[in-house]
């Protein structure tokens, strides 16, 4: 866990999230894809719950990749833009009617991803797994651990600071 996250700039926290969570998670998801594709009929016969793994994985991967892309392309750059505006107190830029980010929605997505991951991890519970299946399980456990830290940083640091910025910007617009 990033120990001094409260003392870092939003940009530093967001860079950390991308480098420590987004990039490795993308790699893990690709690795998991290959591992799941190696599951054969014999594995399904031995571990019937695994017949649902591919579908859950595809749903989770699709949603998680969209979330990370949204953060990298829209959310984080927008927050940084507003932070820069506030730091420069550039009133002309404050008049720009720009989109407001819904951090509550982003926060809720973290809960959804946790649900997906717990559903997937649950498929492995109580099974006497072989090495191949244990490797898949461990990949999902690693993503879950990273997802929790990722969500904590965003929910406890990035989004509250963003909410403060939005309030300051709206207050400044109203007072002009």
C-alpha atoms as a PDB file:
ATOM      1  CA  UNK A   1       0.000   0.000   0.000  1.00  0.00           C
ATOM      2  CA  UNK A   2       1.131   3.496  -0.784  1.00  0.00           C
ATOM      3  CA  UNK A   3       1.984   4.845   2.675  1.00  0.00           C
ATOM      4  CA  UNK A   4       2.002   8.581   2.097  1.00  0.00           C
ATOM      5  CA  UNK A   5      -0.856   8.873  -0.387  1.00  0.00           C
ATOM      6  CA  UNK A   6      -2.493  11.770   1.467  1.00  0.00           C
ATOM      7  CA  UNK A   7       0.704  13.790   1.145  1.00  0.00           C
ATOM      8  CA  UNK A   8       1.064  13.204  -2.594  1.00  0.00           C
ATOM      9  CA  UNK A   9      -0.416  15.280  -5.368  1.00  0.00           C
ATOM     10  CA  UNK A  10      -3.415  13.878  -7.186  1.00  0.00           C
ATOM     11  CA  UNK A  11      -1.215  13.444 -10.228  1.00  0.00           C
ATOM     12  CA  UNK A  12       1.268  11.316  -8.271  1.00  0.00           C
ATOM     13  CA  UNK A  13      -1.500   9.155  -6.815  1.00  0.00           C
ATOM     14  CA  UNK A  14      -3.085   8.660 -10.242  1.00  0.00           C
ATOM     15  CA  UNK A  15       0.285   7.815 -11.813  1.00  0.00           C
ATOM     16  CA  UNK A  16       0.826   5.270  -9.045  1.00  0.00           C
ATOM     17  CA  UNK A  17      -2.616   3.739  -9.675  1.00  0.00           C
ATOM     18  CA  UNK A  18      -1.895   3.379 -13.387  1.00  0.00           C
ATOM     19  CA  UNK A  19       1.602   1.955 -12.916  1.00  0.00           C
ATOM     20  CA  UNK A  20       0.888  -0.300  -9.948  1.00  0.00           C
ATOM     21  CA  UNK A  21      -2.644  -1.449 -10.736  1.00  0.00           C
ATOM     22  CA  UNK A  22      -3.847  -0.766 -14.254  1.00  0.00           C
ATOM     23  CA  UNK A  23      -0.791  -1.954 -16.162  1.00  0.00           C
ATOM     24  CA  UNK A  24      -0.195  -5.111 -14.067  1.00  0.00           C
ATOM     25  CA  UNK A  25      -3.916  -5.941 -14.080  1.00  0.00           C
ATOM     26  CA  UNK A  26      -4.039  -5.800 -17.867  1.00  0.00           C
ATOM     27  CA  UNK A  27      -1.100  -8.215 -17.968  1.00  0.00           C
ATOM     28  CA  UNK A  28      -2.744 -10.497 -15.390  1.00  0.00           C
ATOM     29  CA  UNK A  29      -5.979 -10.559 -17.357  1.00  0.00           C
ATOM     30  CA  UNK A  30      -4.131 -11.660 -20.478  1.00  0.00           C
ATOM     31  CA  UNK A  31      -2.256 -14.293 -18.500  1.00  0.00           C
ATOM     32  CA  UNK A  32      -5.527 -15.549 -17.015  1.00  0.00           C
ATOM     33  CA  UNK A  33      -7.053 -15.760 -20.487  1.00  0.00           C
ATOM     34  CA  UNK A  34      -4.299 -18.116 -21.593  1.00  0.00           C
ATOM     35  CA  UNK A  35      -4.588 -20.171 -18.404  1.00  0.00           C
ATOM     36  CA  UNK A  36      -8.366 -20.509 -18.718  1.00  0.00           C
ATOM     37  CA  UNK A  37      -8.038 -21.534 -22.350  1.00  0.00           C
ATOM     38  CA  UNK A  38      -5.890 -24.427 -21.133  1.00  0.00           C
ATOM     39  CA  UNK A  39      -8.756 -25.799 -19.058  1.00  0.00           C
ATOM     40  CA  UNK A  40      -9.953 -28.931 -20.769  1.00  0.00           C
ATOM     41  CA  UNK A  41     -12.941 -31.270 -20.503  1.00  0.00           C
ATOM     42  CA  UNK A  42     -11.127 -33.376 -17.913  1.00  0.00           C
ATOM     43  CA  UNK A  43     -10.648 -30.307 -15.695  1.00  0.00           C
ATOM     44  CA  UNK A  44     -14.340 -29.445 -16.006  1.00  0.00           C
ATOM     45  CA  UNK A  45     -15.223 -33.041 -15.159  1.00  0.00           C
ATOM     46  CA  UNK A  46     -13.022 -32.856 -12.038  1.00  0.00           C
ATOM     47  CA  UNK A  47     -14.093 -29.296 -11.120  1.00  0.00           C
ATOM     48  CA  UNK A  48     -17.628 -28.743 -12.509  1.00  0.00           C
ATOM     49  CA  UNK A  49     -17.893 -25.193 -11.131  1.00  0.00           C
ATOM     50  CA  UNK A  50     -15.179 -24.143 -13.556  1.00  0.00           C
ATOM     51  CA  UNK A  51     -17.644 -24.361 -16.436  1.00  0.00           C
ATOM     52  CA  UNK A  52     -18.747 -20.832 -15.377  1.00  0.00           C
ATOM     53  CA  UNK A  53     -15.253 -19.424 -15.159  1.00  0.00           C
ATOM     54  CA  UNK A  54     -14.866 -18.284 -18.759  1.00  0.00           C
ATOM     55  CA  UNK A  55     -18.159 -16.365 -18.796  1.00  0.00           C
ATOM     56  CA  UNK A  56     -17.445 -14.649 -15.461  1.00  0.00           C
ATOM     57  CA  UNK A  57     -13.920 -13.842 -16.580  1.00  0.00           C
ATOM     58  CA  UNK A  58     -15.120 -12.274 -19.862  1.00  0.00           C
ATOM     59  CA  UNK A  59     -17.739 -10.162 -18.083  1.00  0.00           C
ATOM     60  CA  UNK A  60     -15.286  -9.030 -15.420  1.00  0.00           C
ATOM     61  CA  UNK A  61     -12.508  -8.305 -17.889  1.00  0.00           C
ATOM     62  CA  UNK A  62     -14.758  -6.262 -20.152  1.00  0.00           C
ATOM     63  CA  UNK A  63     -16.091  -4.103 -17.308  1.00  0.00           C
ATOM     64  CA  UNK A  64     -12.734  -3.693 -15.599  1.00  0.00           C
ATOM     65  CA  UNK A  65     -10.946  -2.689 -18.796  1.00  0.00           C
ATOM     66  CA  UNK A  66     -13.676  -0.114 -19.534  1.00  0.00           C
ATOM     67  CA  UNK A  67     -13.306   1.273 -16.016  1.00  0.00           C
ATOM     68  CA  UNK A  68      -9.527   1.589 -16.261  1.00  0.00           C
ATOM     69  CA  UNK A  69      -9.738   3.130 -19.723  1.00  0.00           C
ATOM     70  CA  UNK A  70     -12.339   5.620 -18.528  1.00  0.00           C
ATOM     71  CA  UNK A  71     -10.078   6.598 -15.642  1.00  0.00           C
ATOM     72  CA  UNK A  72      -7.032   7.000 -17.869  1.00  0.00           C
ATOM     73  CA  UNK A  73      -8.734   8.834 -20.741  1.00  0.00           C
ATOM     74  CA  UNK A  74     -11.459  10.869 -19.029  1.00  0.00           C
ATOM     75  CA  UNK A  75     -11.510  10.834 -15.235  1.00  0.00           C
ATOM     76  CA  UNK A  76      -7.866  11.353 -14.298  1.00  0.00           C
ATOM     77  CA  UNK A  77      -7.086  13.949 -17.010  1.00  0.00           C
ATOM     78  CA  UNK A  78     -10.236  15.899 -16.138  1.00  0.00           C
ATOM     79  CA  UNK A  79      -9.394  15.924 -12.437  1.00  0.00           C
ATOM     80  CA  UNK A  80      -5.850  17.061 -13.203  1.00  0.00           C
ATOM     81  CA  UNK A  81      -7.145  19.813 -15.482  1.00  0.00           C
ATOM     82  CA  UNK A  82      -9.404  21.158 -12.760  1.00  0.00           C
ATOM     83  CA  UNK A  83      -6.669  20.881 -10.174  1.00  0.00           C
ATOM     84  CA  UNK A  84      -4.389  22.915 -12.425  1.00  0.00           C
ATOM     85  CA  UNK A  85      -7.111  25.498 -12.971  1.00  0.00           C
ATOM     86  CA  UNK A  86      -7.661  25.855  -9.242  1.00  0.00           C
ATOM     87  CA  UNK A  87      -3.957  26.037  -8.508  1.00  0.00           C
ATOM     88  CA  UNK A  88      -3.503  28.760 -11.108  1.00  0.00           C
ATOM     89  CA  UNK A  89      -6.733  30.504 -10.132  1.00  0.00           C
ATOM     90  CA  UNK A  90      -7.346  31.094 -13.799  1.00  0.00           C
ATOM     91  CA  UNK A  91     -10.853  32.530 -13.710  1.00  0.00           C
ATOM     92  CA  UNK A  92     -11.196  32.531 -17.495  1.00  0.00           C
ATOM     93  CA  UNK A  93     -10.730  28.787 -17.530  1.00  0.00           C
ATOM     94  CA  UNK A  94     -13.308  28.387 -14.770  1.00  0.00           C
ATOM     95  CA  UNK A  95     -15.938  29.752 -17.148  1.00  0.00           C
ATOM     96  CA  UNK A  96     -15.513  26.724 -19.366  1.00  0.00           C
ATOM     97  CA  UNK A  97     -18.622  24.603 -19.135  1.00  0.00           C
ATOM     98  CA  UNK A  98     -16.893  21.270 -18.834  1.00  0.00           C
ATOM     99  CA  UNK A  99     -18.236  17.900 -17.841  1.00  0.00           C
ATOM    100  CA  UNK A 100     -18.551  17.026 -14.196  1.00  0.00           C
ATOM    101  CA  UNK A 101     -17.359  13.604 -13.211  1.00  0.00           C
ATOM    102  CA  UNK A 102     -19.612  11.319 -11.263  1.00  0.00           C
ATOM    103  CA  UNK A 103     -17.230   9.863  -8.735  1.00  0.00           C
ATOM    104  CA  UNK A 104     -20.093   8.059  -6.969  1.00  0.00           C
ATOM    105  CA  UNK A 105     -20.577   5.983 -10.116  1.00  0.00           C
ATOM    106  CA  UNK A 106     -16.852   5.225 -10.264  1.00  0.00           C
ATOM    107  CA  UNK A 107     -16.934   4.292  -6.585  1.00  0.00           C
ATOM    108  CA  UNK A 108     -19.841   1.905  -7.183  1.00  0.00           C
ATOM    109  CA  UNK A 109     -17.930   0.242 -10.025  1.00  0.00           C
ATOM    110  CA  UNK A 110     -15.245  -0.769  -7.539  1.00  0.00           C
ATOM    111  CA  UNK A 111     -17.914  -2.607  -5.536  1.00  0.00           C
ATOM    112  CA  UNK A 112     -19.137  -4.320  -8.694  1.00  0.00           C
ATOM    113  CA  UNK A 113     -15.616  -5.506  -9.506  1.00  0.00           C
ATOM    114  CA  UNK A 114     -15.237  -6.858  -5.991  1.00  0.00           C
ATOM    115  CA  UNK A 115     -18.488  -8.804  -6.486  1.00  0.00           C
ATOM    116  CA  UNK A 116     -17.255 -10.239  -9.779  1.00  0.00           C
ATOM    117  CA  UNK A 117     -13.960 -11.249  -8.235  1.00  0.00           C
ATOM    118  CA  UNK A 118     -15.577 -12.805  -5.182  1.00  0.00           C
ATOM    119  CA  UNK A 119     -17.916 -14.788  -7.460  1.00  0.00           C
ATOM    120  CA  UNK A 120     -14.972 -16.031  -9.457  1.00  0.00           C
ATOM    121  CA  UNK A 121     -12.859 -16.826  -6.395  1.00  0.00           C
ATOM    122  CA  UNK A 122     -15.834 -18.672  -4.906  1.00  0.00           C
ATOM    123  CA  UNK A 123     -15.687 -21.127  -7.822  1.00  0.00           C
ATOM    124  CA  UNK A 124     -12.392 -22.432  -6.436  1.00  0.00           C
ATOM    125  CA  UNK A 125     -13.475 -22.800  -2.808  1.00  0.00           C
ATOM    126  CA  UNK A 126     -13.574 -26.283  -1.354  1.00  0.00           C
ATOM    127  CA  UNK A 127     -11.851 -27.829  -4.346  1.00  0.00           C
ATOM    128  CA  UNK A 128      -8.726 -29.955  -4.229  1.00  0.00           C
ATOM    129  CA  UNK A 129      -7.110 -28.021  -7.044  1.00  0.00           C
ATOM    130  CA  UNK A 130      -4.304 -29.187  -9.243  1.00  0.00           C
ATOM    131  CA  UNK A 131      -1.342 -26.935 -10.051  1.00  0.00           C
ATOM    132  CA  UNK A 132      -2.863 -25.496 -13.246  1.00  0.00           C
ATOM    133  CA  UNK A 133      -6.135 -24.511 -11.570  1.00  0.00           C
ATOM    134  CA  UNK A 134      -4.350 -23.180  -8.455  1.00  0.00           C
ATOM    135  CA  UNK A 135      -2.398 -20.842 -10.715  1.00  0.00           C
ATOM    136  CA  UNK A 136      -5.635 -19.421 -12.129  1.00  0.00           C
ATOM    137  CA  UNK A 137      -7.040 -19.053  -8.626  1.00  0.00           C
ATOM    138  CA  UNK A 138      -3.913 -17.215  -7.465  1.00  0.00           C
ATOM    139  CA  UNK A 139      -4.103 -14.801 -10.399  1.00  0.00           C
ATOM    140  CA  UNK A 140      -7.640 -13.854  -9.397  1.00  0.00           C
ATOM    141  CA  UNK A 141      -6.651 -13.549  -5.729  1.00  0.00           C
ATOM    142  CA  UNK A 142      -3.818 -11.217  -6.749  1.00  0.00           C
ATOM    143  CA  UNK A 143      -6.171  -9.075  -8.834  1.00  0.00           C
ATOM    144  CA  UNK A 144      -8.615  -8.936  -5.913  1.00  0.00           C
ATOM    145  CA  UNK A 145      -5.880  -7.756  -3.547  1.00  0.00           C
ATOM    146  CA  UNK A 146      -4.790  -5.080  -6.020  1.00  0.00           C
ATOM    147  CA  UNK A 147      -8.397  -4.113  -6.720  1.00  0.00           C
ATOM    148  CA  UNK A 148      -9.000  -3.408  -3.027  1.00  0.00           C
ATOM    149  CA  UNK A 149      -5.946  -1.169  -2.731  1.00  0.00           C
ATOM    150  CA  UNK A 150      -6.755   0.506  -6.060  1.00  0.00           C
ATOM    151  CA  UNK A 151     -10.314   1.194  -4.887  1.00  0.00           C
ATOM    152  CA  UNK A 152      -9.129   2.475  -1.498  1.00  0.00           C
ATOM    153  CA  UNK A 153      -6.759   4.967  -3.109  1.00  0.00           C
ATOM    154  CA  UNK A 154      -9.414   6.262  -5.441  1.00  0.00           C
ATOM    155  CA  UNK A 155     -12.309   6.195  -2.970  1.00  0.00           C
ATOM    156  CA  UNK A 156     -10.366   7.637  -0.027  1.00  0.00           C
ATOM    157  CA  UNK A 157      -7.886   9.990  -1.743  1.00  0.00           C
ATOM    158  CA  UNK A 158      -8.674  10.820  -5.371  1.00  0.00           C
ATOM    159  CA  UNK A 159     -12.471  11.160  -5.300  1.00  0.00           C
ATOM    160  CA  UNK A 160     -12.724  13.158  -2.048  1.00  0.00           C
ATOM    161  CA  UNK A 161     -10.076  15.587  -3.315  1.00  0.00           C
ATOM    162  CA  UNK A 162     -11.951  15.748  -6.610  1.00  0.00           C
ATOM    163  CA  UNK A 163     -15.205  16.491  -4.768  1.00  0.00           C
ATOM    164  CA  UNK A 164     -13.454  19.343  -2.939  1.00  0.00           C
ATOM    165  CA  UNK A 165     -12.199  20.747  -6.236  1.00  0.00           C
ATOM    166  CA  UNK A 166     -15.675  20.575  -7.769  1.00  0.00           C
ATOM    167  CA  UNK A 167     -17.160  22.425  -4.808  1.00  0.00           C
ATOM    168  CA  UNK A 168     -14.482  25.116  -4.995  1.00  0.00           C
ATOM    169  CA  UNK A 169     -14.980  25.504  -8.736  1.00  0.00           C
ATOM    170  CA  UNK A 170     -18.755  25.716  -8.470  1.00  0.00           C
ATOM    171  CA  UNK A 171     -18.486  28.156  -5.557  1.00  0.00           C
ATOM    172  CA  UNK A 172     -16.051  30.298  -7.504  1.00  0.00           C
ATOM    173  CA  UNK A 173     -18.320  30.289 -10.572  1.00  0.00           C
ATOM    174  CA  UNK A 174     -21.302  31.384  -8.470  1.00  0.00           C
ATOM    175  CA  UNK A 175     -19.372  34.187  -6.791  1.00  0.00           C
ATOM    176  CA  UNK A 176     -18.277  35.683 -10.144  1.00  0.00           C
END
